[in-house]
Amino acid sequence: MTPQAELLSPPTNYAVVQLPGRKYPGVVFQGDSLHILKTRAERLGRLLGAMALEELADEIEYLSEQLSEVQRHYERVCAERHIALPY
């Protein structure tokens, strides 16, 4: 039998998945969502280089909020399934 991943949450942009042989689940980023986050991170570097500090602060806040949303979703799914967090 081929090992299979188990989908622990609805298949959203940031699905929580349990991979075979792994103690903790992971988060699957859809390709477009991953690209958006990477593009935003690249913008952080450009803004820093230009010393556009107000815009930089806004971008950092946005990126932090997006990742916090993904983490809250991950923690909620783990709690519902009685899975200890890896941190």
N, C-alpha and C. Protein backbone atom coordinates (compact mmCIF):
# COMPACT_ATOMS: atom_id res chain seq x y z
N MET A 1 0.84 -1.18 0.00
CA MET A 1 0.00 0.00 0.00
C MET A 1 0.89 1.25 0.00
N THR A 2 0.55 2.23 -0.80
CA THR A 2 1.28 3.48 -0.89
C THR A 2 0.90 4.39 0.27
N PRO A 3 1.89 4.95 0.97
CA PRO A 3 1.56 5.88 2.06
C PRO A 3 0.78 7.07 1.54
N GLN A 4 -0.20 7.52 2.32
CA GLN A 4 -1.02 8.64 1.91
C GLN A 4 -1.08 9.69 3.01
N ALA A 5 -1.14 10.93 2.59
CA ALA A 5 -1.34 12.03 3.53
C ALA A 5 -2.81 12.06 3.93
N GLU A 6 -3.07 12.53 5.16
CA GLU A 6 -4.44 12.65 5.64
C GLU A 6 -4.79 14.13 5.74
N LEU A 7 -5.86 14.53 5.07
CA LEU A 7 -6.34 15.90 5.12
C LEU A 7 -7.08 16.09 6.44
N LEU A 8 -6.60 17.00 7.29
CA LEU A 8 -7.18 17.21 8.62
C LEU A 8 -8.13 18.40 8.66
N SER A 9 -8.12 19.21 7.63
CA SER A 9 -8.99 20.39 7.57
C SER A 9 -9.64 20.44 6.20
N PRO A 10 -10.62 21.31 6.04
CA PRO A 10 -11.16 21.48 4.68
C PRO A 10 -10.04 21.92 3.73
N PRO A 11 -10.16 21.59 2.46
CA PRO A 11 -9.11 21.94 1.49
C PRO A 11 -9.16 23.43 1.12
N THR A 12 -8.63 24.26 2.02
CA THR A 12 -8.59 25.71 1.82
C THR A 12 -7.23 26.11 1.25
N ASN A 13 -6.97 27.41 1.21
CA ASN A 13 -5.67 27.90 0.75
C ASN A 13 -4.53 27.40 1.63
N TYR A 14 -4.84 27.10 2.89
CA TYR A 14 -3.83 26.64 3.85
C TYR A 14 -4.35 25.39 4.56
N ALA A 15 -4.40 24.29 3.85
CA ALA A 15 -4.93 23.04 4.40
C ALA A 15 -3.93 22.42 5.37
N VAL A 16 -4.46 21.85 6.44
CA VAL A 16 -3.63 21.14 7.42
C VAL A 16 -3.63 19.68 7.03
N VAL A 17 -2.43 19.11 6.90
CA VAL A 17 -2.26 17.76 6.38
C VAL A 17 -1.31 16.98 7.29
N GLN A 18 -1.65 15.72 7.55
CA GLN A 18 -0.77 14.83 8.31
C GLN A 18 -0.05 13.93 7.31
N LEU A 19 1.27 14.08 7.23
CA LEU A 19 2.06 13.24 6.33
C LEU A 19 2.43 11.93 7.01
N PRO A 20 2.51 10.86 6.26
CA PRO A 20 2.88 9.57 6.84
C PRO A 20 4.26 9.66 7.51
N GLY A 21 4.37 9.10 8.69
CA GLY A 21 5.64 9.05 9.39
C GLY A 21 6.04 10.32 10.10
N ARG A 22 5.20 11.33 10.06
CA ARG A 22 5.50 12.60 10.73
C ARG A 22 4.67 12.72 11.99
N LYS A 23 5.28 13.21 13.06
CA LYS A 23 4.57 13.35 14.34
C LYS A 23 3.56 14.48 14.30
N TYR A 24 3.93 15.59 13.66
CA TYR A 24 3.07 16.77 13.63
C TYR A 24 2.56 17.01 12.22
N PRO A 25 1.35 17.53 12.11
CA PRO A 25 0.83 17.87 10.79
C PRO A 25 1.57 19.08 10.21
N GLY A 26 1.38 19.29 8.95
CA GLY A 26 1.94 20.45 8.27
C GLY A 26 0.84 21.26 7.62
N VAL A 27 1.22 22.34 7.00
CA VAL A 27 0.28 23.21 6.31
C VAL A 27 0.66 23.23 4.83
N VAL A 28 -0.30 22.98 3.98
CA VAL A 28 -0.09 23.02 2.55
C VAL A 28 -0.55 24.39 2.05
N PHE A 29 0.37 25.13 1.45
CA PHE A 29 0.03 26.41 0.85
C PHE A 29 -0.31 26.16 -0.61
N GLN A 30 -1.42 26.70 -1.06
CA GLN A 30 -1.72 26.63 -2.48
C GLN A 30 -0.68 27.47 -3.22
N GLY A 31 -0.37 27.11 -4.44
CA GLY A 31 0.68 27.78 -5.19
C GLY A 31 0.49 29.28 -5.31
N ASP A 32 -0.76 29.71 -5.57
CA ASP A 32 -0.99 31.14 -5.72
C ASP A 32 -0.81 31.87 -4.39
N SER A 33 -1.23 31.24 -3.29
CA SER A 33 -1.06 31.84 -1.97
C SER A 33 0.42 31.93 -1.60
N LEU A 34 1.17 30.89 -1.91
CA LEU A 34 2.61 30.89 -1.67
C LEU A 34 3.28 32.01 -2.46
N HIS A 35 2.90 32.14 -3.72
CA HIS A 35 3.48 33.18 -4.57
C HIS A 35 3.18 34.58 -4.03
N ILE A 36 1.97 34.80 -3.56
CA ILE A 36 1.59 36.10 -3.01
C ILE A 36 2.46 36.42 -1.79
N LEU A 37 2.62 35.46 -0.89
CA LEU A 37 3.44 35.70 0.31
C LEU A 37 4.90 35.95 -0.06
N LYS A 38 5.43 35.20 -1.01
CA LYS A 38 6.81 35.40 -1.45
C LYS A 38 6.99 36.77 -2.08
N THR A 39 6.03 37.18 -2.90
CA THR A 39 6.09 38.49 -3.53
C THR A 39 6.05 39.60 -2.49
N ARG A 40 5.21 39.43 -1.46
CA ARG A 40 5.14 40.43 -0.39
C ARG A 40 6.47 40.50 0.36
N ALA A 41 7.09 39.36 0.61
CA ALA A 41 8.38 39.34 1.30
C ALA A 41 9.45 40.04 0.46
N GLU A 42 9.43 39.82 -0.85
CA GLU A 42 10.38 40.51 -1.73
C GLU A 42 10.16 42.02 -1.68
N ARG A 43 8.92 42.42 -1.61
CA ARG A 43 8.60 43.86 -1.50
C ARG A 43 9.19 44.44 -0.21
N LEU A 44 9.21 43.66 0.85
CA LEU A 44 9.82 44.12 2.10
C LEU A 44 11.26 44.53 1.87
N GLY A 45 12.00 43.71 1.14
CA GLY A 45 13.39 44.02 0.85
C GLY A 45 13.55 45.29 0.03
N ARG A 46 12.69 45.46 -0.97
CA ARG A 46 12.76 46.67 -1.79
C ARG A 46 12.44 47.92 -0.97
N LEU A 47 11.42 47.82 -0.14
CA LEU A 47 11.05 48.97 0.69
C LEU A 47 12.15 49.31 1.69
N LEU A 48 12.79 48.29 2.24
CA LEU A 48 13.89 48.54 3.16
C LEU A 48 15.04 49.23 2.43
N GLY A 49 15.35 48.74 1.24
CA GLY A 49 16.41 49.35 0.45
C GLY A 49 16.12 50.80 0.13
N ALA A 50 14.86 51.12 -0.10
CA ALA A 50 14.46 52.49 -0.42
C ALA A 50 14.21 53.32 0.84
N MET A 51 14.34 52.67 2.01
CA MET A 51 14.08 53.32 3.30
C MET A 51 12.67 53.91 3.37
N ALA A 52 11.72 53.22 2.72
CA ALA A 52 10.31 53.62 2.77
C ALA A 52 9.70 52.98 4.01
N LEU A 53 10.04 53.53 5.16
CA LEU A 53 9.75 52.87 6.43
C LEU A 53 8.27 52.76 6.75
N GLU A 54 7.47 53.74 6.39
CA GLU A 54 6.04 53.64 6.67
C GLU A 54 5.40 52.52 5.86
N GLU A 55 5.74 52.47 4.57
CA GLU A 55 5.23 51.39 3.72
C GLU A 55 5.77 50.04 4.18
N LEU A 56 7.03 50.01 4.58
CA LEU A 56 7.65 48.78 5.07
C LEU A 56 6.90 48.27 6.30
N ALA A 57 6.59 49.17 7.22
CA ALA A 57 5.84 48.78 8.42
C ALA A 57 4.48 48.21 8.05
N ASP A 58 3.81 48.81 7.08
CA ASP A 58 2.50 48.31 6.64
C ASP A 58 2.62 46.91 6.04
N GLU A 59 3.64 46.69 5.22
CA GLU A 59 3.84 45.38 4.60
C GLU A 59 4.18 44.32 5.64
N ILE A 60 5.01 44.68 6.60
CA ILE A 60 5.36 43.74 7.67
C ILE A 60 4.10 43.36 8.46
N GLU A 61 3.27 44.34 8.75
CA GLU A 61 2.02 44.07 9.48
C GLU A 61 1.13 43.14 8.67
N TYR A 62 1.01 43.38 7.36
CA TYR A 62 0.19 42.53 6.51
C TYR A 62 0.70 41.10 6.51
N LEU A 63 2.00 40.94 6.29
CA LEU A 63 2.60 39.60 6.24
C LEU A 63 2.42 38.88 7.57
N SER A 64 2.63 39.59 8.65
CA SER A 64 2.47 39.01 9.98
C SER A 64 1.02 38.58 10.22
N GLU A 65 0.07 39.40 9.81
CA GLU A 65 -1.35 39.05 9.97
C GLU A 65 -1.71 37.82 9.16
N GLN A 66 -1.22 37.75 7.92
CA GLN A 66 -1.51 36.58 7.09
C GLN A 66 -0.96 35.30 7.71
N LEU A 67 0.28 35.33 8.15
CA LEU A 67 0.89 34.14 8.75
C LEU A 67 0.25 33.80 10.08
N SER A 68 -0.16 34.81 10.84
CA SER A 68 -0.87 34.55 12.11
C SER A 68 -2.20 33.86 11.86
N GLU A 69 -2.87 34.25 10.78
CA GLU A 69 -4.14 33.61 10.41
C GLU A 69 -3.92 32.13 10.09
N VAL A 70 -2.87 31.84 9.34
CA VAL A 70 -2.55 30.45 9.02
C VAL A 70 -2.22 29.68 10.30
N GLN A 71 -1.45 30.28 11.19
CA GLN A 71 -1.07 29.61 12.44
C GLN A 71 -2.30 29.36 13.32
N ARG A 72 -3.20 30.33 13.41
CA ARG A 72 -4.43 30.13 14.21
C ARG A 72 -5.25 28.97 13.65
N HIS A 73 -5.34 28.89 12.33
CA HIS A 73 -6.06 27.79 11.69
C HIS A 73 -5.40 26.46 12.03
N TYR A 74 -4.09 26.40 11.92
CA TYR A 74 -3.32 25.20 12.25
C TYR A 74 -3.58 24.79 13.70
N GLU A 75 -3.50 25.73 14.61
CA GLU A 75 -3.68 25.44 16.03
C GLU A 75 -5.11 24.98 16.33
N ARG A 76 -6.09 25.58 15.65
CA ARG A 76 -7.49 25.18 15.84
C ARG A 76 -7.71 23.74 15.38
N VAL A 77 -7.16 23.41 14.22
CA VAL A 77 -7.31 22.04 13.70
C VAL A 77 -6.62 21.04 14.63
N CYS A 78 -5.42 21.36 15.09
CA CYS A 78 -4.70 20.48 16.01
C CYS A 78 -5.50 20.29 17.31
N ALA A 79 -6.05 21.37 17.84
CA ALA A 79 -6.82 21.28 19.08
C ALA A 79 -8.06 20.40 18.88
N GLU A 80 -8.75 20.58 17.77
CA GLU A 80 -9.94 19.77 17.49
C GLU A 80 -9.62 18.29 17.41
N ARG A 81 -8.41 17.96 16.97
CA ARG A 81 -8.00 16.56 16.80
C ARG A 81 -7.12 16.06 17.93
N HIS A 82 -6.99 16.88 18.97
CA HIS A 82 -6.19 16.52 20.16
C HIS A 82 -4.74 16.17 19.78
N ILE A 83 -4.17 17.02 18.91
CA ILE A 83 -2.78 16.86 18.50
C ILE A 83 -1.98 17.94 19.20
N ALA A 84 -0.92 17.52 19.91
CA ALA A 84 -0.05 18.50 20.58
C ALA A 84 0.65 19.36 19.54
N LEU A 85 0.89 20.62 19.89
CA LEU A 85 1.60 21.52 18.99
C LEU A 85 3.10 21.26 19.06
N PRO A 86 3.82 21.50 17.98
CA PRO A 86 5.27 21.25 17.97
C PRO A 86 6.07 22.39 18.60
N TYR A 87 5.38 23.34 19.20
CA TYR A 87 6.06 24.48 19.83
C TYR A 87 5.40 24.83 21.13
